[in-house]
Amino acid sequence: MIIKIKKQQLFSIFLICSLSLLSSLALAQSTVSGSLIDPNGANITGLSQSVRLINEETGEEYVGETTIEGNYVVSGVPAGTYNLRFDFRTAMYRPYSQEGVLVRDGQNLDYDLQIEWSINLGTIGDDPGVLANDMLRDSEEASGPAPRLSNGQVDFSGMWVVRQRPDIPRQEPPYQPWAAEMNAEYQALGINNAGAFCLPQSAVMTSMGFPWQIIQKENIMIQIMEFQTPGWRQIFLDGRDFPDIWNPSWQGHSRGHWEGDTLVVETSGFNEYTPGFGIHTDQMVITERYTRPNLGTMVVEITVEDPGALTDTYTNIREFGRVTGEEILEFICAEGNTDPSHWDEPVWRGRP
C-alpha cells in the first residue's frame, strides 16, 4: 500500500519533530549557580574570576564569571558528573576544587563554594590578587599597539599587575626521585613561606602576584616590586655574559637579548634555597620570554631547567595587565615582624 502525504502534512510532521528535538535539547541544558562564601559565612566580593565545570568523562569545560557581589552562573551545562573549580590564587583565599558534582537534565543546581582562608588568614587589605583586580578596574582602558623605544625595541615600561588566567594550565616541576622525596619532606614541615622571615619570595618577579613596575632603557631593565625583598631587580641588555665568578644568590644574575619583538631574559647563579621554584640545585637556569601584544597586556613565558634536580624543563605562562594612576609604595618587611618567633626553626631554608 502506498500512502500519499500532502506537502502541508509533511511540513506539520517536520515542524513537530523539530520542536520535539529542540525541546529535548533544551531539557538537556542545565544551570549551576551559587555564591563564593568565606569561612565567616559572608559573600566574597570583588574577585570577578571564572568558575569552571569540567566534565569528568569528556573533559569538556563550561565557564561562568563571578560578579563583583560574589555570585556566579554557569549556563548551558549538559547532564553529567563534573569537577567544579575556582582557581583564583591569592594570599587571602585558597583555590577551590570539588569532584563528583552531579548535574541532571534541566536542573538548576544551587551550589555555593565554601572558600577557605589562605596564608594571610583573612587579613583585610592584604591580598595582592584582590588588589590587582581593583587596580585593573580603576585604570584607564588601554588600547592600541605596544609602545617602542627610540631604537625600535618594544618598551615594557609601566606598572603591571597579574591577571588571573585559570584557563592557562600550570606545570609542576618534573622532579628526579631524590628531589621529589625532599620536596615531600619539605612540604610536611609547613614552613614554606620565606616572606615570613623577610627573605625573597621568589627567584624572579614574574612569578609573583604583587604590583610591580618596569623601567626600561636600551641597555638595562629595572624591575621594582612592592611587598618583596629586596624589591628590585636589574636585567642587563648590553650584551654582557654571565660573570666568570659569581657567588650564588637569591635572585641570580640576569641578562637579556632580543628575538624580534620578544625580550629573552636568562638568569642563573641561584643558591639552593631560592624560593618560588621548588627543590632545585645551583644549576637552575630560568628563561623568561617577554612579549607585549598591545598597550595594556604583557605576557611572560617562564621556562625552568635544572639538570641537577629535574628530569626535564617545564614552562608556565603569566599574563599581566597595565595599570594607571598607581605607584609602588614603601615596604619595610622587618618592621614589627614577629612571625619568625612562631616557628620551631629560627632560620628559614628552602629545603629540609
C-alpha atoms as a PDB file:
ATOM      1  CA  MET A   1       0.000   0.000   0.000  1.00  0.00           C
ATOM      2  CA  ILE A   2       1.314   3.434  -0.924  1.00  0.00           C
ATOM      3  CA  ILE A   3       0.387   6.263   1.450  1.00  0.00           C
ATOM      4  CA  LYS A   4       0.375   9.724  -0.056  1.00  0.00           C
ATOM      5  CA  ILE A   5       1.256  12.627   2.242  1.00  0.00           C
ATOM      6  CA  LYS A   6       0.381  16.156   1.248  1.00  0.00           C
ATOM      7  CA  LYS A   7       3.019  18.874   1.444  1.00  0.00           C
ATOM      8  CA  GLN A   8       1.120  20.608   4.234  1.00  0.00           C
ATOM      9  CA  GLN A   9       1.035  17.369   6.254  1.00  0.00           C
ATOM     10  CA  LEU A  10       4.738  16.779   5.590  1.00  0.00           C
ATOM     11  CA  PHE A  11       5.542  20.282   6.843  1.00  0.00           C
ATOM     12  CA  SER A  12       3.483  19.694  10.017  1.00  0.00           C
ATOM     13  CA  ILE A  13       5.317  16.443  10.706  1.00  0.00           C
ATOM     14  CA  PHE A  14       8.676  18.174  10.171  1.00  0.00           C
ATOM     15  CA  LEU A  15       7.653  21.036  12.471  1.00  0.00           C
ATOM     16  CA  ILE A  16       6.528  18.651  15.242  1.00  0.00           C
ATOM     17  CA  CYS A  17       9.781  16.674  15.009  1.00  0.00           C
ATOM     18  CA  SER A  18      11.869  19.847  15.067  1.00  0.00           C
ATOM     19  CA  LEU A  19      10.041  21.223  18.094  1.00  0.00           C
ATOM     20  CA  SER A  20      10.411  17.885  19.843  1.00  0.00           C
ATOM     21  CA  LEU A  21      14.149  17.837  19.116  1.00  0.00           C
ATOM     22  CA  LEU A  22      14.570  21.429  20.287  1.00  0.00           C
ATOM     23  CA  SER A  23      12.575  20.642  23.411  1.00  0.00           C
ATOM     24  CA  SER A  24      14.771  17.665  24.297  1.00  0.00           C
ATOM     25  CA  LEU A  25      17.913  19.700  23.604  1.00  0.00           C
ATOM     26  CA  ALA A  26      16.659  22.472  25.857  1.00  0.00           C
ATOM     27  CA  LEU A  27      15.831  19.891  28.522  1.00  0.00           C
ATOM     28  CA  ALA A  28      19.423  18.618  28.379  1.00  0.00           C
ATOM     29  CA  GLN A  29      20.833  22.018  29.255  1.00  0.00           C
ATOM     30  CA  SER A  30      21.233  22.847  32.932  1.00  0.00           C
ATOM     31  CA  THR A  31      22.438  25.756  35.051  1.00  0.00           C
ATOM     32  CA  VAL A  32      24.803  25.698  38.012  1.00  0.00           C
ATOM     33  CA  SER A  33      24.870  28.810  40.172  1.00  0.00           C
ATOM     34  CA  GLY A  34      25.767  29.960  43.645  1.00  0.00           C
ATOM     35  CA  SER A  35      27.951  32.247  45.719  1.00  0.00           C
ATOM     36  CA  LEU A  36      31.549  32.366  46.898  1.00  0.00           C
ATOM     37  CA  ILE A  37      31.405  32.056  50.694  1.00  0.00           C
ATOM     38  CA  ASP A  38      34.285  32.821  53.079  1.00  0.00           C
ATOM     39  CA  PRO A  39      34.858  30.992  56.408  1.00  0.00           C
ATOM     40  CA  ASN A  40      32.792  33.661  58.198  1.00  0.00           C
ATOM     41  CA  GLY A  41      29.773  32.886  56.024  1.00  0.00           C
ATOM     42  CA  ALA A  42      29.944  36.137  54.030  1.00  0.00           C
ATOM     43  CA  ASN A  43      29.976  36.564  50.259  1.00  0.00           C
ATOM     44  CA  ILE A  44      33.469  37.088  48.833  1.00  0.00           C
ATOM     45  CA  THR A  45      33.245  40.245  46.764  1.00  0.00           C
ATOM     46  CA  GLY A  46      35.446  41.919  44.176  1.00  0.00           C
ATOM     47  CA  LEU A  47      37.142  38.903  42.550  1.00  0.00           C
ATOM     48  CA  SER A  48      35.430  38.748  39.116  1.00  0.00           C
ATOM     49  CA  GLN A  49      37.035  35.480  38.070  1.00  0.00           C
ATOM     50  CA  SER A  50      35.975  32.254  36.350  1.00  0.00           C
ATOM     51  CA  VAL A  51      34.168  29.277  37.847  1.00  0.00           C
ATOM     52  CA  ARG A  52      34.768  26.194  35.694  1.00  0.00           C
ATOM     53  CA  LEU A  53      32.885  22.917  35.332  1.00  0.00           C
ATOM     54  CA  ILE A  54      34.989  20.176  33.714  1.00  0.00           C
ATOM     55  CA  ASN A  55      33.159  17.054  32.606  1.00  0.00           C
ATOM     56  CA  GLU A  56      34.925  14.111  34.259  1.00  0.00           C
ATOM     57  CA  GLU A  57      34.161  11.792  31.315  1.00  0.00           C
ATOM     58  CA  THR A  58      34.654  14.003  28.235  1.00  0.00           C
ATOM     59  CA  GLY A  59      36.929  16.750  29.584  1.00  0.00           C
ATOM     60  CA  GLU A  60      34.642  19.421  28.078  1.00  0.00           C
ATOM     61  CA  GLU A  61      34.678  22.664  30.025  1.00  0.00           C
ATOM     62  CA  TYR A  62      31.900  25.135  30.837  1.00  0.00           C
ATOM     63  CA  VAL A  63      32.758  28.541  32.292  1.00  0.00           C
ATOM     64  CA  GLY A  64      30.887  31.245  34.167  1.00  0.00           C
ATOM     65  CA  GLU A  65      32.149  34.551  35.525  1.00  0.00           C
ATOM     66  CA  THR A  66      31.682  35.693  39.113  1.00  0.00           C
ATOM     67  CA  THR A  67      30.111  39.073  39.760  1.00  0.00           C
ATOM     68  CA  ILE A  68      31.543  41.832  41.919  1.00  0.00           C
ATOM     69  CA  GLU A  69      28.983  40.774  44.557  1.00  0.00           C
ATOM     70  CA  GLY A  70      30.425  37.244  44.724  1.00  0.00           C
ATOM     71  CA  ASN A  71      27.841  35.261  42.755  1.00  0.00           C
ATOM     72  CA  TYR A  72      28.323  33.060  39.701  1.00  0.00           C
ATOM     73  CA  VAL A  73      26.266  31.327  36.995  1.00  0.00           C
ATOM     74  CA  VAL A  74      27.397  28.618  34.572  1.00  0.00           C
ATOM     75  CA  SER A  75      24.734  28.082  31.904  1.00  0.00           C
ATOM     76  CA  GLY A  76      24.206  25.554  29.131  1.00  0.00           C
ATOM     77  CA  VAL A  77      25.676  22.628  31.072  1.00  0.00           C
ATOM     78  CA  PRO A  78      24.738  19.142  29.779  1.00  0.00           C
ATOM     79  CA  ALA A  79      23.926  16.413  32.270  1.00  0.00           C
ATOM     80  CA  GLY A  80      26.977  14.679  33.670  1.00  0.00           C
ATOM     81  CA  THR A  81      29.474  14.483  36.501  1.00  0.00           C
ATOM     82  CA  TYR A  82      31.845  17.425  36.844  1.00  0.00           C
ATOM     83  CA  ASN A  83      34.910  18.730  38.597  1.00  0.00           C
ATOM     84  CA  LEU A  84      33.972  22.219  39.785  1.00  0.00           C
ATOM     85  CA  ARG A  85      36.967  24.566  40.075  1.00  0.00           C
ATOM     86  CA  PHE A  86      37.644  28.125  41.191  1.00  0.00           C
ATOM     87  CA  ASP A  87      41.375  28.643  40.643  1.00  0.00           C
ATOM     88  CA  PHE A  88      41.854  32.210  41.873  1.00  0.00           C
ATOM     89  CA  ARG A  89      45.228  32.030  43.666  1.00  0.00           C
ATOM     90  CA  THR A  90      45.632  34.694  46.319  1.00  0.00           C
ATOM     91  CA  ALA A  91      47.116  35.263  49.749  1.00  0.00           C
ATOM     92  CA  MET A  92      43.622  35.585  51.199  1.00  0.00           C
ATOM     93  CA  TYR A  93      41.703  32.676  49.629  1.00  0.00           C
ATOM     94  CA  ARG A  94      42.605  29.117  48.700  1.00  0.00           C
ATOM     95  CA  PRO A  95      41.645  27.708  45.285  1.00  0.00           C
ATOM     96  CA  TYR A  96      38.510  25.565  45.322  1.00  0.00           C
ATOM     97  CA  SER A  97      38.054  22.169  43.679  1.00  0.00           C
ATOM     98  CA  GLN A  98      35.253  19.647  44.109  1.00  0.00           C
ATOM     99  CA  GLU A  99      35.000  16.420  42.151  1.00  0.00           C
ATOM    100  CA  GLY A 100      31.837  14.426  41.579  1.00  0.00           C
ATOM    101  CA  VAL A 101      29.407  17.324  41.140  1.00  0.00           C
ATOM    102  CA  LEU A 102      26.333  15.690  39.552  1.00  0.00           C
ATOM    103  CA  VAL A 103      24.287  17.773  37.113  1.00  0.00           C
ATOM    104  CA  ARG A 104      20.944  16.347  35.892  1.00  0.00           C
ATOM    105  CA  ASP A 105      18.908  17.180  32.786  1.00  0.00           C
ATOM    106  CA  GLY A 106      17.169  20.524  33.020  1.00  0.00           C
ATOM    107  CA  GLN A 107      18.349  21.108  36.576  1.00  0.00           C
ATOM    108  CA  ASN A 108      19.038  24.499  38.117  1.00  0.00           C
ATOM    109  CA  LEU A 109      21.641  23.419  40.653  1.00  0.00           C
ATOM    110  CA  ASP A 110      22.373  25.781  43.558  1.00  0.00           C
ATOM    111  CA  TYR A 111      25.970  25.200  44.623  1.00  0.00           C
ATOM    112  CA  ASP A 112      27.774  27.594  46.974  1.00  0.00           C
ATOM    113  CA  LEU A 113      31.572  27.394  47.090  1.00  0.00           C
ATOM    114  CA  GLN A 114      32.948  27.300  50.639  1.00  0.00           C
ATOM    115  CA  ILE A 115      36.315  29.043  50.175  1.00  0.00           C
ATOM    116  CA  GLU A 116      38.991  28.646  52.854  1.00  0.00           C
ATOM    117  CA  TRP A 117      41.478  31.268  54.045  1.00  0.00           C
ATOM    118  CA  SER A 118      44.966  31.148  52.595  1.00  0.00           C
ATOM    119  CA  ILE A 119      48.280  32.262  54.126  1.00  0.00           C
ATOM    120  CA  ASN A 120      47.157  35.685  55.372  1.00  0.00           C
ATOM    121  CA  LEU A 121      44.239  34.104  57.302  1.00  0.00           C
ATOM    122  CA  GLY A 122      41.679  36.591  56.040  1.00  0.00           C
ATOM    123  CA  THR A 123      43.508  39.824  56.828  1.00  0.00           C
ATOM    124  CA  ILE A 124      41.544  42.533  55.005  1.00  0.00           C
ATOM    125  CA  GLY A 125      43.561  44.574  52.516  1.00  0.00           C
ATOM    126  CA  ASP A 126      46.416  42.066  52.486  1.00  0.00           C
ATOM    127  CA  ASP A 127      45.651  40.249  49.257  1.00  0.00           C
ATOM    128  CA  PRO A 128      47.558  41.045  46.040  1.00  0.00           C
ATOM    129  CA  GLY A 129      45.036  39.243  43.842  1.00  0.00           C
ATOM    130  CA  VAL A 130      42.114  41.337  45.056  1.00  0.00           C
ATOM    131  CA  LEU A 131      44.299  44.458  44.863  1.00  0.00           C
ATOM    132  CA  ALA A 132      45.203  43.611  41.250  1.00  0.00           C
ATOM    133  CA  ASN A 133      41.521  43.314  40.300  1.00  0.00           C
ATOM    134  CA  ASP A 134      40.751  46.663  41.939  1.00  0.00           C
ATOM    135  CA  MET A 135      43.652  48.373  40.143  1.00  0.00           C
ATOM    136  CA  LEU A 136      42.645  46.965  36.756  1.00  0.00           C
ATOM    137  CA  ARG A 137      39.029  48.072  37.215  1.00  0.00           C
ATOM    138  CA  ASP A 138      40.085  51.600  38.201  1.00  0.00           C
ATOM    139  CA  SER A 139      42.638  52.038  35.390  1.00  0.00           C
ATOM    140  CA  GLU A 140      42.140  53.774  32.069  1.00  0.00           C
ATOM    141  CA  GLU A 141      41.146  51.460  29.287  1.00  0.00           C
ATOM    142  CA  ALA A 142      44.350  50.591  27.433  1.00  0.00           C
ATOM    143  CA  SER A 143      44.034  50.135  23.673  1.00  0.00           C
ATOM    144  CA  GLY A 144      46.434  50.457  20.803  1.00  0.00           C
ATOM    145  CA  PRO A 145      49.821  48.990  19.913  1.00  0.00           C
ATOM    146  CA  ALA A 146      52.708  48.445  22.301  1.00  0.00           C
ATOM    147  CA  PRO A 147      54.992  51.494  22.667  1.00  0.00           C
ATOM    148  CA  ARG A 148      58.592  51.402  21.472  1.00  0.00           C
ATOM    149  CA  LEU A 149      61.891  52.996  22.440  1.00  0.00           C
ATOM    150  CA  SER A 150      63.711  55.311  20.063  1.00  0.00           C
ATOM    151  CA  ASN A 151      65.732  52.354  18.729  1.00  0.00           C
ATOM    152  CA  GLY A 152      62.552  50.453  17.811  1.00  0.00           C
ATOM    153  CA  GLN A 153      62.599  47.957  20.661  1.00  0.00           C
ATOM    154  CA  VAL A 154      59.310  47.172  22.392  1.00  0.00           C
ATOM    155  CA  ASP A 155      59.043  49.205  25.597  1.00  0.00           C
ATOM    156  CA  PHE A 156      57.741  47.240  28.592  1.00  0.00           C
ATOM    157  CA  SER A 157      57.883  50.248  30.930  1.00  0.00           C
ATOM    158  CA  GLY A 158      54.876  50.781  33.144  1.00  0.00           C
ATOM    159  CA  MET A 159      53.133  49.437  36.208  1.00  0.00           C
ATOM    160  CA  TRP A 160      51.711  45.931  35.969  1.00  0.00           C
ATOM    161  CA  VAL A 161      49.554  43.504  37.935  1.00  0.00           C
ATOM    162  CA  VAL A 162      48.918  39.835  37.267  1.00  0.00           C
ATOM    163  CA  ARG A 163      45.715  38.759  35.551  1.00  0.00           C
ATOM    164  CA  GLN A 164      44.273  35.543  36.905  1.00  0.00           C
ATOM    165  CA  ARG A 165      44.065  33.092  33.975  1.00  0.00           C
ATOM    166  CA  PRO A 166      42.744  29.739  35.242  1.00  0.00           C
ATOM    167  CA  ASP A 167      42.337  28.655  31.601  1.00  0.00           C
ATOM    168  CA  ILE A 168      46.141  28.530  31.243  1.00  0.00           C
ATOM    169  CA  PRO A 169      47.328  25.185  32.679  1.00  0.00           C
ATOM    170  CA  ARG A 170      50.068  25.252  35.281  1.00  0.00           C
ATOM    171  CA  GLN A 171      53.004  22.843  35.036  1.00  0.00           C
ATOM    172  CA  GLU A 172      54.679  21.399  38.108  1.00  0.00           C
ATOM    173  CA  PRO A 173      58.411  20.596  38.376  1.00  0.00           C
ATOM    174  CA  PRO A 174      59.262  17.145  36.923  1.00  0.00           C
ATOM    175  CA  TYR A 175      61.461  16.098  39.830  1.00  0.00           C
ATOM    176  CA  GLN A 176      64.172  13.498  39.878  1.00  0.00           C
ATOM    177  CA  PRO A 177      63.419  10.890  42.601  1.00  0.00           C
ATOM    178  CA  TRP A 178      65.695  12.446  45.230  1.00  0.00           C
ATOM    179  CA  ALA A 179      64.188  15.919  44.655  1.00  0.00           C
ATOM    180  CA  ALA A 180      60.615  14.561  44.788  1.00  0.00           C
ATOM    181  CA  GLU A 181      61.374  12.882  48.109  1.00  0.00           C
ATOM    182  CA  MET A 182      62.978  16.030  49.503  1.00  0.00           C
ATOM    183  CA  ASN A 183      60.035  18.152  48.313  1.00  0.00           C
ATOM    184  CA  ALA A 184      57.583  15.878  50.163  1.00  0.00           C
ATOM    185  CA  GLU A 185      59.637  16.195  53.350  1.00  0.00           C
ATOM    186  CA  TYR A 186      59.807  19.957  52.955  1.00  0.00           C
ATOM    187  CA  GLN A 187      56.071  20.363  52.386  1.00  0.00           C
ATOM    188  CA  ALA A 188      55.419  18.304  55.522  1.00  0.00           C
ATOM    189  CA  LEU A 189      57.379  20.832  57.599  1.00  0.00           C
ATOM    190  CA  GLY A 190      54.788  23.545  56.854  1.00  0.00           C
ATOM    191  CA  ILE A 191      57.259  26.460  56.932  1.00  0.00           C
ATOM    192  CA  ASN A 192      57.483  27.190  53.224  1.00  0.00           C
ATOM    193  CA  ASN A 193      56.828  30.941  53.386  1.00  0.00           C
ATOM    194  CA  ALA A 194      60.172  32.688  53.052  1.00  0.00           C
ATOM    195  CA  GLY A 195      58.407  36.052  53.198  1.00  0.00           C
ATOM    196  CA  ALA A 196      57.551  35.465  56.857  1.00  0.00           C
ATOM    197  CA  PHE A 197      61.298  35.683  57.508  1.00  0.00           C
ATOM    198  CA  CYS A 198      61.662  38.849  55.360  1.00  0.00           C
ATOM    199  CA  LEU A 199      63.516  36.858  52.696  1.00  0.00           C
ATOM    200  CA  PRO A 200      62.884  36.918  48.920  1.00  0.00           C
ATOM    201  CA  GLN A 201      59.673  35.132  47.997  1.00  0.00           C
ATOM    202  CA  SER A 202      60.697  34.065  44.506  1.00  0.00           C
ATOM    203  CA  ALA A 203      63.715  33.850  42.231  1.00  0.00           C
ATOM    204  CA  VAL A 204      62.082  36.142  39.620  1.00  0.00           C
ATOM    205  CA  MET A 205      59.395  38.797  39.994  1.00  0.00           C
ATOM    206  CA  THR A 206      57.331  37.491  37.085  1.00  0.00           C
ATOM    207  CA  SER A 207      56.233  34.514  39.212  1.00  0.00           C
ATOM    208  CA  MET A 208      54.865  36.768  41.976  1.00  0.00           C
ATOM    209  CA  GLY A 209      51.397  38.263  42.410  1.00  0.00           C
ATOM    210  CA  PHE A 210      52.287  41.731  43.735  1.00  0.00           C
ATOM    211  CA  PRO A 211      52.088  45.067  41.882  1.00  0.00           C
ATOM    212  CA  TRP A 212      55.331  45.844  40.084  1.00  0.00           C
ATOM    213  CA  GLN A 213      56.865  48.434  37.826  1.00  0.00           C
ATOM    214  CA  ILE A 214      59.281  48.207  34.897  1.00  0.00           C
ATOM    215  CA  ILE A 215      61.678  50.967  33.915  1.00  0.00           C
ATOM    216  CA  GLN A 216      63.379  50.175  30.612  1.00  0.00           C
ATOM    217  CA  LYS A 217      66.264  51.747  28.721  1.00  0.00           C
ATOM    218  CA  GLU A 218      68.149  50.465  25.696  1.00  0.00           C
ATOM    219  CA  ASN A 219      70.845  48.744  27.770  1.00  0.00           C
ATOM    220  CA  ILE A 220      69.091  47.883  31.047  1.00  0.00           C
ATOM    221  CA  MET A 221      65.708  46.996  32.543  1.00  0.00           C
ATOM    222  CA  ILE A 222      64.919  47.723  36.192  1.00  0.00           C
ATOM    223  CA  GLN A 223      62.030  45.937  37.911  1.00  0.00           C
ATOM    224  CA  ILE A 224      60.578  47.217  41.192  1.00  0.00           C
ATOM    225  CA  MET A 225      58.066  45.211  43.217  1.00  0.00           C
ATOM    226  CA  GLU A 226      56.024  46.074  46.281  1.00  0.00           C
ATOM    227  CA  PHE A 227      55.858  43.557  49.186  1.00  0.00           C
ATOM    228  CA  GLN A 228      59.024  41.852  48.000  1.00  0.00           C
ATOM    229  CA  THR A 229      62.535  41.693  49.470  1.00  0.00           C
ATOM    230  CA  PRO A 230      64.821  43.206  48.206  1.00  0.00           C
ATOM    231  CA  GLY A 231      62.147  44.761  45.983  1.00  0.00           C
ATOM    232  CA  TRP A 232      64.265  45.443  42.890  1.00  0.00           C
ATOM    233  CA  ARG A 233      65.958  43.549  40.092  1.00  0.00           C
ATOM    234  CA  GLN A 234      68.263  44.602  37.256  1.00  0.00           C
ATOM    235  CA  ILE A 235      68.420  42.923  33.837  1.00  0.00           C
ATOM    236  CA  PHE A 236      71.388  43.831  31.647  1.00  0.00           C
ATOM    237  CA  LEU A 237      70.585  44.355  27.945  1.00  0.00           C
ATOM    238  CA  ASP A 238      74.047  45.478  26.830  1.00  0.00           C
ATOM    239  CA  GLY A 239      75.250  42.104  25.531  1.00  0.00           C
ATOM    240  CA  ARG A 240      77.340  41.116  28.544  1.00  0.00           C
ATOM    241  CA  ASP A 241      77.822  37.466  29.502  1.00  0.00           C
ATOM    242  CA  PHE A 242      77.301  35.941  32.927  1.00  0.00           C
ATOM    243  CA  PRO A 243      80.144  36.767  35.353  1.00  0.00           C
ATOM    244  CA  ASP A 244      83.057  34.319  35.451  1.00  0.00           C
ATOM    245  CA  ILE A 245      82.986  34.438  39.237  1.00  0.00           C
ATOM    246  CA  TRP A 246      79.592  34.722  40.948  1.00  0.00           C
ATOM    247  CA  ASN A 247      78.604  33.911  44.478  1.00  0.00           C
ATOM    248  CA  PRO A 248      75.263  32.004  44.294  1.00  0.00           C
ATOM    249  CA  SER A 249      72.494  34.403  45.296  1.00  0.00           C
ATOM    250  CA  TRP A 250      68.752  34.600  45.921  1.00  0.00           C
ATOM    251  CA  GLN A 251      67.923  36.296  42.601  1.00  0.00           C
ATOM    252  CA  GLY A 252      70.894  35.243  40.495  1.00  0.00           C
ATOM    253  CA  HIS A 253      72.311  37.294  37.613  1.00  0.00           C
ATOM    254  CA  SER A 254      70.071  38.337  34.702  1.00  0.00           C
ATOM    255  CA  ARG A 255      70.956  39.221  31.118  1.00  0.00           C
ATOM    256  CA  GLY A 256      68.647  39.770  28.152  1.00  0.00           C
ATOM    257  CA  HIS A 257      68.661  39.755  24.373  1.00  0.00           C
ATOM    258  CA  TRP A 258      66.073  40.370  21.668  1.00  0.00           C
ATOM    259  CA  GLU A 259      64.496  37.850  19.319  1.00  0.00           C
ATOM    260  CA  GLY A 260      62.361  40.091  17.134  1.00  0.00           C
ATOM    261  CA  ASP A 261      59.866  41.802  19.453  1.00  0.00           C
ATOM    262  CA  THR A 262      60.426  39.209  22.204  1.00  0.00           C
ATOM    263  CA  LEU A 263      62.786  40.041  25.057  1.00  0.00           C
ATOM    264  CA  VAL A 264      64.519  36.854  26.232  1.00  0.00           C
ATOM    265  CA  VAL A 265      65.951  37.063  29.769  1.00  0.00           C
ATOM    266  CA  GLU A 266      68.220  34.332  31.141  1.00  0.00           C
ATOM    267  CA  THR A 267      69.003  34.172  34.857  1.00  0.00           C
ATOM    268  CA  SER A 268      71.472  31.840  36.561  1.00  0.00           C
ATOM    269  CA  GLY A 269      73.685  31.788  39.639  1.00  0.00           C
ATOM    270  CA  PHE A 270      70.975  30.902  42.159  1.00  0.00           C
ATOM    271  CA  ASN A 271      71.618  29.416  45.556  1.00  0.00           C
ATOM    272  CA  GLU A 272      69.853  26.198  46.534  1.00  0.00           C
ATOM    273  CA  TYR A 273      67.374  27.959  48.848  1.00  0.00           C
ATOM    274  CA  THR A 274      65.842  30.455  46.414  1.00  0.00           C
ATOM    275  CA  PRO A 275      62.027  30.073  46.774  1.00  0.00           C
ATOM    276  CA  GLY A 276      59.339  30.037  44.130  1.00  0.00           C
ATOM    277  CA  PHE A 277      60.582  27.091  42.054  1.00  0.00           C
ATOM    278  CA  GLY A 278      60.574  24.200  44.480  1.00  0.00           C
ATOM    279  CA  ILE A 279      63.536  21.963  45.192  1.00  0.00           C
ATOM    280  CA  HIS A 280      66.441  22.832  42.907  1.00  0.00           C
ATOM    281  CA  THR A 281      70.237  22.983  42.737  1.00  0.00           C
ATOM    282  CA  ASP A 282      72.634  25.784  41.881  1.00  0.00           C
ATOM    283  CA  GLN A 283      72.471  24.556  38.272  1.00  0.00           C
ATOM    284  CA  MET A 284      68.981  26.050  37.852  1.00  0.00           C
ATOM    285  CA  VAL A 285      68.548  28.460  34.927  1.00  0.00           C
ATOM    286  CA  ILE A 286      65.323  30.435  34.414  1.00  0.00           C
ATOM    287  CA  THR A 287      64.485  31.815  30.962  1.00  0.00           C
ATOM    288  CA  GLU A 288      61.721  34.430  30.642  1.00  0.00           C
ATOM    289  CA  ARG A 289      60.269  35.456  27.280  1.00  0.00           C
ATOM    290  CA  TYR A 290      58.534  38.860  27.444  1.00  0.00           C
ATOM    291  CA  THR A 291      56.025  39.936  24.796  1.00  0.00           C
ATOM    292  CA  ARG A 292      53.670  42.928  24.738  1.00  0.00           C
ATOM    293  CA  PRO A 293      50.910  42.185  22.191  1.00  0.00           C
ATOM    294  CA  ASN A 294      49.207  45.521  22.858  1.00  0.00           C
ATOM    295  CA  LEU A 295      49.370  48.589  25.083  1.00  0.00           C
ATOM    296  CA  GLY A 296      47.532  47.036  28.021  1.00  0.00           C
ATOM    297  CA  THR A 297      48.892  43.468  28.047  1.00  0.00           C
ATOM    298  CA  MET A 298      52.227  41.808  28.778  1.00  0.00           C
ATOM    299  CA  VAL A 299      52.775  38.044  28.585  1.00  0.00           C
ATOM    300  CA  VAL A 300      55.772  36.278  30.144  1.00  0.00           C
ATOM    301  CA  GLU A 301      56.653  32.664  29.399  1.00  0.00           C
ATOM    302  CA  ILE A 302      58.838  31.219  32.197  1.00  0.00           C
ATOM    303  CA  THR A 303      60.924  28.118  31.492  1.00  0.00           C
ATOM    304  CA  VAL A 304      62.957  26.337  34.178  1.00  0.00           C
ATOM    305  CA  GLU A 305      65.825  23.933  33.600  1.00  0.00           C
ATOM    306  CA  ASP A 306      67.909  22.199  36.241  1.00  0.00           C
ATOM    307  CA  PRO A 307      69.788  19.021  35.252  1.00  0.00           C
ATOM    308  CA  GLY A 308      70.674  18.520  38.925  1.00  0.00           C
ATOM    309  CA  ALA A 309      67.081  18.194  40.183  1.00  0.00           C
ATOM    310  CA  LEU A 310      64.700  17.868  37.203  1.00  0.00           C
ATOM    311  CA  THR A 311      64.145  15.195  34.578  1.00  0.00           C
ATOM    312  CA  ASP A 312      63.105  17.813  32.004  1.00  0.00           C
ATOM    313  CA  THR A 313      62.379  21.515  31.623  1.00  0.00           C
ATOM    314  CA  TYR A 314      58.936  22.931  32.418  1.00  0.00           C
ATOM    315  CA  THR A 315      57.173  26.129  31.381  1.00  0.00           C
ATOM    316  CA  ASN A 316      54.454  28.348  32.834  1.00  0.00           C
ATOM    317  CA  ILE A 317      52.805  31.391  31.269  1.00  0.00           C
ATOM    318  CA  ARG A 318      51.636  34.508  33.104  1.00  0.00           C
ATOM    319  CA  GLU A 319      49.651  37.450  31.780  1.00  0.00           C
ATOM    320  CA  PHE A 320      49.849  40.961  33.233  1.00  0.00           C
ATOM    321  CA  GLY A 321      47.607  43.982  32.825  1.00  0.00           C
ATOM    322  CA  ARG A 322      48.827  47.599  32.701  1.00  0.00           C
ATOM    323  CA  VAL A 323      47.502  49.839  35.469  1.00  0.00           C
ATOM    324  CA  THR A 324      47.443  53.634  35.584  1.00  0.00           C
ATOM    325  CA  GLY A 325      47.167  56.189  38.356  1.00  0.00           C
ATOM    326  CA  GLU A 326      49.049  53.961  40.814  1.00  0.00           C
ATOM    327  CA  GLU A 327      52.572  53.850  42.197  1.00  0.00           C
ATOM    328  CA  ILE A 328      54.798  51.476  44.149  1.00  0.00           C
ATOM    329  CA  LEU A 329      54.629  52.121  47.899  1.00  0.00           C
ATOM    330  CA  GLU A 330      57.347  51.671  50.500  1.00  0.00           C
ATOM    331  CA  PHE A 331      57.580  48.202  52.014  1.00  0.00           C
ATOM    332  CA  ILE A 332      59.719  47.510  55.096  1.00  0.00           C
ATOM    333  CA  CYS A 333      59.355  43.805  55.815  1.00  0.00           C
ATOM    334  CA  ALA A 334      61.232  43.579  59.127  1.00  0.00           C
ATOM    335  CA  GLU A 335      59.272  46.374  60.805  1.00  0.00           C
ATOM    336  CA  GLY A 336      57.125  44.763  63.511  1.00  0.00           C
ATOM    337  CA  ASN A 337      57.699  41.285  62.061  1.00  0.00           C
ATOM    338  CA  THR A 338      57.144  38.688  64.785  1.00  0.00           C
ATOM    339  CA  ASP A 339      56.405  35.670  62.584  1.00  0.00           C
ATOM    340  CA  PRO A 340      59.854  34.012  62.853  1.00  0.00           C
ATOM    341  CA  SER A 341      59.437  33.615  66.613  1.00  0.00           C
ATOM    342  CA  HIS A 342      56.461  31.309  65.951  1.00  0.00           C
ATOM    343  CA  TRP A 343      58.495  28.755  64.030  1.00  0.00           C
ATOM    344  CA  ASP A 344      60.383  25.862  65.573  1.00  0.00           C
ATOM    345  CA  GLU A 345      63.302  26.585  63.239  1.00  0.00           C
ATOM    346  CA  PRO A 346      64.815  30.061  63.780  1.00  0.00           C
ATOM    347  CA  VAL A 347      66.181  30.225  60.201  1.00  0.00           C
ATOM    348  CA  TRP A 348      64.186  29.619  57.018  1.00  0.00           C
ATOM    349  CA  ARG A 349      65.632  27.215  54.471  1.00  0.00           C
ATOM    350  CA  GLY A 350      64.219  26.201  51.133  1.00  0.00           C
ATOM    351  CA  ARG A 351      64.690  22.522  51.857  1.00  0.00           C
ATOM    352  CA  PRO A 352      64.586  20.219  54.930  1.00  0.00           C
END
